[in-house]
């Protein structure tokens, strides 16, 4: 359980640094909340599902339900990856329409993909953290 927490925390740190750098360089002055407000329907639905799994994971952590927390953490990360993949597919389809293809024009769409991935990785942490602090004992 601790290994899963460490791996997800390290991945969250790496993706957050990349997201922060891209936002500072390519979208200065834009906040993460503004990015989530202008997302299309599918990433918003994925973000809502991640928030629900975050709550379920936190409740499982308080109840010391190891299996529930592990399952919910994996689901949250997979939802984040699914949202990021959707964003990348949208980016690549956008390159088919537009003739001007460079990283500066693609950066806002890549930032949206990274934001969903960060949310998915962050969504796995509350349940794992609470379970780690409380010490998971129940298996079922």
Protein backbone atom coordinates (compact mmCIF):
# COMPACT_ATOMS: atom_id res chain seq x y z
CA UNK A 1 0.00 0.00 0.00
CA UNK A 2 2.82 2.39 0.86
CA UNK A 3 4.56 1.64 -2.45
CA UNK A 4 1.41 2.53 -4.39
CA UNK A 5 1.15 5.79 -2.45
CA UNK A 6 4.79 6.66 -3.16
CA UNK A 7 4.57 5.81 -6.88
CA UNK A 8 1.42 7.87 -7.37
CA UNK A 9 2.85 10.79 -5.38
CA UNK A 10 6.04 10.80 -7.48
CA UNK A 11 4.02 10.62 -10.71
CA UNK A 12 1.82 13.47 -9.47
CA UNK A 13 4.88 15.57 -8.71
CA UNK A 14 6.40 14.99 -12.15
CA UNK A 15 3.20 15.71 -14.07
CA UNK A 16 2.44 18.76 -11.90
CA UNK A 17 5.86 20.23 -12.62
CA UNK A 18 5.34 19.72 -16.37
CA UNK A 19 1.85 21.22 -16.16
CA UNK A 20 3.07 24.22 -14.17
CA UNK A 21 5.90 24.88 -16.60
CA UNK A 22 3.61 24.65 -19.62
CA UNK A 23 1.04 26.93 -18.03
CA UNK A 24 3.67 29.51 -17.10
CA UNK A 25 5.26 29.50 -20.56
CA UNK A 26 2.31 29.02 -22.92
CA UNK A 27 -0.70 30.32 -20.97
CA UNK A 28 0.59 33.00 -18.60
CA UNK A 29 -2.04 34.41 -16.30
CA UNK A 30 -4.48 31.53 -16.78
CA UNK A 31 -5.42 29.53 -13.70
CA UNK A 32 -6.13 25.83 -13.49
CA UNK A 33 -9.73 26.59 -12.54
CA UNK A 34 -10.20 28.49 -15.80
CA UNK A 35 -8.87 25.50 -17.72
CA UNK A 36 -11.38 23.19 -16.05
CA UNK A 37 -14.20 25.66 -16.75
CA UNK A 38 -13.59 25.71 -20.51
CA UNK A 39 -13.11 21.96 -20.99
CA UNK A 40 -15.38 20.06 -23.31
CA UNK A 41 -18.02 17.63 -22.10
CA UNK A 42 -16.01 14.41 -21.94
CA UNK A 43 -13.17 15.78 -19.78
CA UNK A 44 -15.74 17.40 -17.48
CA UNK A 45 -17.51 14.06 -17.05
CA UNK A 46 -14.20 12.33 -16.39
CA UNK A 47 -13.28 15.03 -13.85
CA UNK A 48 -16.63 14.52 -12.09
CA UNK A 49 -16.06 10.76 -11.97
CA UNK A 50 -12.59 11.33 -10.52
CA UNK A 51 -14.03 13.57 -7.80
CA UNK A 52 -16.59 10.88 -6.93
CA UNK A 53 -13.85 8.23 -6.71
CA UNK A 54 -11.84 10.60 -4.50
CA UNK A 55 -14.72 10.81 -2.03
CA UNK A 56 -15.26 7.04 -2.10
CA UNK A 57 -11.52 6.50 -1.53
CA UNK A 58 -11.48 8.88 1.43
CA UNK A 59 -14.47 7.11 2.99
CA UNK A 60 -12.76 3.76 2.41
CA UNK A 61 -9.63 5.14 4.08
CA UNK A 62 -11.59 6.25 7.13
CA UNK A 63 -13.23 2.81 7.29
CA UNK A 64 -9.81 1.15 6.88
CA UNK A 65 -11.01 -0.85 3.89
CA UNK A 66 -7.78 -1.70 2.06
CA UNK A 67 -9.36 -3.39 -0.96
CA UNK A 68 -11.78 -0.52 -1.55
CA UNK A 69 -9.04 2.09 -1.34
CA UNK A 70 -6.74 0.16 -3.67
CA UNK A 71 -9.51 -0.36 -6.21
CA UNK A 72 -10.65 3.26 -6.09
CA UNK A 73 -7.07 4.56 -6.36
CA UNK A 74 -6.48 2.48 -9.47
CA UNK A 75 -9.80 3.59 -10.96
CA UNK A 76 -8.97 7.27 -10.30
CA UNK A 77 -5.58 6.94 -11.99
CA UNK A 78 -7.11 5.08 -14.94
CA UNK A 79 -9.79 7.76 -15.32
CA UNK A 80 -7.06 10.41 -15.35
CA UNK A 81 -5.17 8.48 -18.01
CA UNK A 82 -8.40 8.03 -19.99
CA UNK A 83 -9.06 11.77 -19.87
CA UNK A 84 -5.48 12.52 -20.93
CA UNK A 85 -5.72 10.07 -23.83
CA UNK A 86 -8.97 11.69 -24.93
CA UNK A 87 -7.29 15.09 -24.84
CA UNK A 88 -4.36 13.82 -26.89
CA UNK A 89 -6.70 12.29 -29.47
CA UNK A 90 -8.54 15.60 -29.68
CA UNK A 91 -5.19 17.33 -30.16
CA UNK A 92 -4.18 14.99 -32.96
CA UNK A 93 -7.53 15.36 -34.69
CA UNK A 94 -7.09 19.11 -34.43
CA UNK A 95 -3.77 18.84 -36.24
CA UNK A 96 -5.55 17.23 -39.17
CA UNK A 97 -7.76 20.30 -39.55
CA UNK A 98 -5.17 23.05 -39.03
CA UNK A 99 -2.15 23.48 -41.28
CA UNK A 100 -0.08 25.43 -38.74
CA UNK A 101 1.31 22.76 -36.45
CA UNK A 102 3.82 23.72 -33.80
CA UNK A 103 4.00 23.20 -30.08
CA UNK A 104 2.76 26.69 -29.27
CA UNK A 105 -0.55 26.10 -31.02
CA UNK A 106 -0.95 22.65 -29.46
CA UNK A 107 0.09 23.65 -25.92
CA UNK A 108 -3.38 24.66 -24.61
CA UNK A 109 -4.82 21.28 -25.60
CA UNK A 110 -1.85 19.48 -24.07
CA UNK A 111 -2.31 21.49 -20.88
CA UNK A 112 -5.92 20.30 -20.70
CA UNK A 113 -4.72 16.69 -21.04
CA UNK A 114 -2.15 17.14 -18.30
CA UNK A 115 -4.72 18.82 -16.04
CA UNK A 116 -7.01 15.78 -16.23
CA UNK A 117 -4.05 13.46 -15.57
CA UNK A 118 -3.03 15.54 -12.53
CA UNK A 119 -6.60 15.38 -11.25
CA UNK A 120 -6.67 11.60 -11.68
CA UNK A 121 -3.38 11.15 -9.84
CA UNK A 122 -4.48 13.53 -7.10
CA UNK A 123 -7.82 11.71 -6.82
CA UNK A 124 -6.00 8.55 -5.77
CA UNK A 125 -4.09 10.19 -2.93
CA UNK A 126 -6.71 11.05 -0.25
CA UNK A 127 -7.85 7.47 0.28
CA UNK A 128 -4.32 6.09 0.22
CA UNK A 129 -3.06 8.83 2.54
CA UNK A 130 -5.85 8.42 5.06
CA UNK A 131 -5.39 4.65 5.00
CA UNK A 132 -1.65 5.04 5.51
CA UNK A 133 -2.12 7.40 8.45
CA UNK A 134 -4.80 5.26 10.08
CA UNK A 135 -3.12 1.95 9.27
CA UNK A 136 -5.18 -0.33 7.02
CA UNK A 137 -6.38 -3.44 8.82
CA UNK A 138 -9.68 -4.49 7.22
CA UNK A 139 -9.42 -6.51 4.02
CA UNK A 140 -13.10 -6.72 3.08
